[in-house]
Amino acid sequence: SGGLQKEAYWMKKPCITVRDQTEWVETIESGWNTLTGAHSKKIISAAQQSPSQKWQPLYGEGDAAGKIAGIIKNIFAS
């Protein structure tokens, strides 16, 4: 599923997507997701590979809520 591809990335786990396309192209471009379709040779080859790039936070650092709360606090503290 599309959600699982993104969750695998967040968990820093390589993903093999047995589909011909994905809506999460950034996980492909980052080297942490491989599209194989239903081709057994491609699936086996992908399973034998490591991610081609170092993991980096594609979706932010996970601190947006704290930043937003700080901004709101500053607005109402004035």
N, C-alpha and C. Protein backbone atom coordinates (compact mmCIF):
# COMPACT_ATOMS: atom_id res chain seq x y z
N SER A 1 0.84 -1.19 0.00
CA SER A 1 0.00 0.00 0.00
C SER A 1 0.87 1.24 0.00
N GLY A 2 0.32 2.34 -0.40
CA GLY A 2 1.05 3.60 -0.40
C GLY A 2 1.48 4.01 0.99
N GLY A 3 0.59 3.83 1.97
CA GLY A 3 0.93 4.22 3.34
C GLY A 3 2.09 3.42 3.89
N LEU A 4 2.15 2.16 3.58
CA LEU A 4 3.23 1.31 4.08
C LEU A 4 4.58 1.74 3.53
N GLN A 5 4.61 2.21 2.30
CA GLN A 5 5.86 2.69 1.71
C GLN A 5 6.42 3.85 2.52
N LYS A 6 5.54 4.77 2.88
CA LYS A 6 5.97 5.95 3.63
C LYS A 6 6.34 5.56 5.07
N GLU A 7 5.56 4.67 5.67
CA GLU A 7 5.87 4.21 7.03
C GLU A 7 7.21 3.50 7.07
N ALA A 8 7.51 2.70 6.06
CA ALA A 8 8.81 2.02 6.01
C ALA A 8 9.93 3.06 5.99
N TYR A 9 9.74 4.12 5.23
CA TYR A 9 10.76 5.17 5.17
C TYR A 9 10.95 5.82 6.54
N TRP A 10 9.85 6.16 7.21
CA TRP A 10 9.95 6.77 8.54
C TRP A 10 10.69 5.86 9.52
N MET A 11 10.50 4.55 9.36
CA MET A 11 11.15 3.58 10.25
C MET A 11 12.56 3.21 9.78
N LYS A 12 13.01 3.89 8.71
CA LYS A 12 14.35 3.67 8.15
C LYS A 12 14.55 2.23 7.69
N LYS A 13 13.49 1.68 7.09
CA LYS A 13 13.53 0.32 6.54
C LYS A 13 13.39 0.38 5.03
N PRO A 14 14.26 -0.28 4.30
CA PRO A 14 14.11 -0.31 2.84
C PRO A 14 12.77 -0.96 2.47
N CYS A 15 12.22 -0.55 1.34
CA CYS A 15 10.90 -1.03 0.92
C CYS A 15 10.98 -1.53 -0.52
N ILE A 16 10.33 -2.64 -0.77
CA ILE A 16 10.15 -3.15 -2.12
C ILE A 16 8.67 -3.05 -2.42
N THR A 17 8.33 -2.28 -3.43
CA THR A 17 6.93 -2.08 -3.79
C THR A 17 6.61 -2.90 -5.02
N VAL A 18 5.75 -3.88 -4.85
CA VAL A 18 5.40 -4.80 -5.93
C VAL A 18 4.22 -4.19 -6.70
N ARG A 19 4.51 -3.04 -7.26
CA ARG A 19 3.56 -2.31 -8.11
C ARG A 19 4.38 -1.70 -9.25
N ASP A 20 3.69 -1.19 -10.25
CA ASP A 20 4.38 -0.57 -11.38
C ASP A 20 4.56 0.94 -11.21
N GLN A 21 3.86 1.52 -10.26
CA GLN A 21 4.01 2.95 -10.00
C GLN A 21 3.68 3.25 -8.55
N THR A 22 4.09 4.42 -8.09
CA THR A 22 3.81 4.82 -6.72
C THR A 22 3.56 6.31 -6.67
N GLU A 23 2.76 6.73 -5.72
CA GLU A 23 2.53 8.16 -5.52
C GLU A 23 3.62 8.78 -4.64
N TRP A 24 4.48 7.95 -4.05
CA TRP A 24 5.54 8.43 -3.16
C TRP A 24 6.88 8.37 -3.88
N VAL A 25 7.00 9.12 -4.94
CA VAL A 25 8.21 9.08 -5.77
C VAL A 25 9.46 9.51 -5.00
N GLU A 26 9.29 10.34 -3.97
CA GLU A 26 10.47 10.77 -3.20
C GLU A 26 11.13 9.60 -2.49
N THR A 27 10.38 8.55 -2.15
CA THR A 27 11.01 7.38 -1.52
C THR A 27 11.81 6.58 -2.54
N ILE A 28 11.38 6.62 -3.79
CA ILE A 28 12.13 5.98 -4.88
C ILE A 28 13.41 6.79 -5.14
N GLU A 29 13.24 8.10 -5.27
CA GLU A 29 14.38 8.98 -5.57
C GLU A 29 15.43 8.95 -4.46
N SER A 30 15.00 8.70 -3.23
CA SER A 30 15.94 8.65 -2.11
C SER A 30 16.68 7.31 -2.05
N GLY A 31 16.25 6.35 -2.86
CA GLY A 31 16.91 5.04 -2.89
C GLY A 31 16.42 4.08 -1.82
N TRP A 32 15.38 4.44 -1.09
CA TRP A 32 14.88 3.59 -0.01
C TRP A 32 13.65 2.79 -0.39
N ASN A 33 13.18 2.95 -1.60
CA ASN A 33 12.03 2.20 -2.09
C ASN A 33 12.35 1.79 -3.52
N THR A 34 12.01 0.57 -3.87
CA THR A 34 12.25 0.05 -5.21
C THR A 34 10.96 -0.47 -5.79
N LEU A 35 10.60 0.01 -6.97
CA LEU A 35 9.45 -0.52 -7.69
C LEU A 35 9.88 -1.73 -8.50
N THR A 36 9.17 -2.83 -8.34
CA THR A 36 9.53 -4.03 -9.08
C THR A 36 8.42 -4.57 -9.96
N GLY A 37 7.20 -4.10 -9.74
CA GLY A 37 6.09 -4.76 -10.40
C GLY A 37 6.01 -6.19 -9.86
N ALA A 38 5.34 -7.06 -10.57
CA ALA A 38 5.20 -8.46 -10.13
C ALA A 38 6.23 -9.36 -10.78
N HIS A 39 7.44 -8.84 -10.97
CA HIS A 39 8.50 -9.58 -11.65
C HIS A 39 9.43 -10.21 -10.61
N SER A 40 9.42 -11.52 -10.53
CA SER A 40 10.17 -12.22 -9.48
C SER A 40 11.67 -11.90 -9.50
N LYS A 41 12.28 -11.81 -10.67
CA LYS A 41 13.72 -11.51 -10.74
C LYS A 41 14.01 -10.12 -10.18
N LYS A 42 13.14 -9.14 -10.47
CA LYS A 42 13.33 -7.79 -9.95
C LYS A 42 13.13 -7.75 -8.44
N ILE A 43 12.18 -8.52 -7.95
CA ILE A 43 11.92 -8.58 -6.51
C ILE A 43 13.13 -9.16 -5.79
N ILE A 44 13.66 -10.26 -6.30
CA ILE A 44 14.82 -10.90 -5.69
C ILE A 44 16.03 -9.97 -5.73
N SER A 45 16.24 -9.33 -6.86
CA SER A 45 17.36 -8.39 -6.98
C SER A 45 17.23 -7.24 -5.99
N ALA A 46 16.04 -6.68 -5.87
CA ALA A 46 15.81 -5.58 -4.93
C ALA A 46 16.04 -6.01 -3.49
N ALA A 47 15.66 -7.24 -3.17
CA ALA A 47 15.82 -7.75 -1.80
C ALA A 47 17.30 -7.92 -1.44
N GLN A 48 18.14 -8.07 -2.43
CA GLN A 48 19.57 -8.27 -2.20
C GLN A 48 20.35 -6.96 -2.14
N GLN A 49 19.68 -5.85 -2.39
CA GLN A 49 20.32 -4.54 -2.41
C GLN A 49 20.12 -3.78 -1.10
N SER A 50 21.05 -2.90 -0.80
CA SER A 50 20.92 -1.97 0.31
C SER A 50 20.48 -0.63 -0.26
N PRO A 51 19.91 0.25 0.57
CA PRO A 51 19.54 1.57 0.06
C PRO A 51 20.74 2.26 -0.59
N SER A 52 20.49 2.95 -1.68
CA SER A 52 21.59 3.56 -2.44
C SER A 52 22.04 4.90 -1.87
N GLN A 53 21.28 5.45 -0.93
CA GLN A 53 21.63 6.74 -0.35
C GLN A 53 21.43 6.71 1.16
N LYS A 54 22.10 7.61 1.85
CA LYS A 54 21.94 7.75 3.29
C LYS A 54 20.53 8.24 3.59
N TRP A 55 19.92 7.74 4.66
CA TRP A 55 18.58 8.16 5.06
C TRP A 55 18.62 9.63 5.49
N GLN A 56 17.65 10.39 5.04
CA GLN A 56 17.51 11.77 5.48
C GLN A 56 16.02 12.08 5.63
N PRO A 57 15.66 13.00 6.49
CA PRO A 57 14.24 13.27 6.74
C PRO A 57 13.58 13.99 5.57
N LEU A 58 12.87 13.25 4.75
CA LEU A 58 12.18 13.82 3.60
C LEU A 58 10.94 14.61 4.01
N TYR A 59 10.40 14.29 5.16
CA TYR A 59 9.10 14.86 5.55
C TYR A 59 9.22 15.76 6.78
N GLY A 60 10.38 16.31 7.02
CA GLY A 60 10.57 17.19 8.16
C GLY A 60 11.25 16.46 9.31
N GLU A 61 11.46 17.19 10.38
CA GLU A 61 12.19 16.67 11.53
C GLU A 61 11.27 16.13 12.64
N GLY A 62 9.96 16.26 12.46
CA GLY A 62 9.03 15.78 13.48
C GLY A 62 8.79 16.77 14.60
N ASP A 63 9.16 18.02 14.37
CA ASP A 63 9.02 19.02 15.44
C ASP A 63 8.06 20.15 15.07
N ALA A 64 7.22 19.95 14.07
CA ALA A 64 6.32 21.00 13.61
C ALA A 64 5.33 21.42 14.70
N ALA A 65 4.78 20.46 15.45
CA ALA A 65 3.78 20.80 16.47
C ALA A 65 4.36 21.74 17.53
N GLY A 66 5.56 21.48 17.98
CA GLY A 66 6.20 22.35 18.97
C GLY A 66 6.45 23.74 18.43
N LYS A 67 6.86 23.83 17.18
CA LYS A 67 7.10 25.13 16.56
C LYS A 67 5.79 25.92 16.44
N ILE A 68 4.73 25.25 16.01
CA ILE A 68 3.43 25.91 15.87
C ILE A 68 2.92 26.37 17.23
N ALA A 69 3.04 25.52 18.24
CA ALA A 69 2.59 25.90 19.59
C ALA A 69 3.37 27.11 20.09
N GLY A 70 4.66 27.17 19.81
CA GLY A 70 5.47 28.31 20.22
C GLY A 70 5.03 29.60 19.54
N ILE A 71 4.72 29.51 18.26
CA ILE A 71 4.25 30.68 17.52
C ILE A 71 2.92 31.17 18.08
N ILE A 72 2.00 30.25 18.31
CA ILE A 72 0.69 30.62 18.87
C ILE A 72 0.86 31.24 20.26
N LYS A 73 1.70 30.64 21.07
CA LYS A 73 1.96 31.18 22.42
C LYS A 73 2.50 32.60 22.33
N ASN A 74 3.44 32.85 21.43
CA ASN A 74 4.00 34.20 21.27
C ASN A 74 2.96 35.20 20.79
N ILE A 75 2.07 34.78 19.93
CA ILE A 75 1.02 35.67 19.43
C ILE A 75 0.11 36.12 20.57
N PHE A 76 -0.30 35.16 21.41
CA PHE A 76 -1.25 35.48 22.48
C PHE A 76 -0.58 36.04 23.75
N ALA A 77 0.73 35.91 23.83
CA ALA A 77 1.45 36.45 24.99
C ALA A 77 1.68 37.95 24.84
N SER A 78 1.55 38.46 23.65
CA SER A 78 1.81 39.90 23.39
C SER A 78 0.70 40.78 23.90
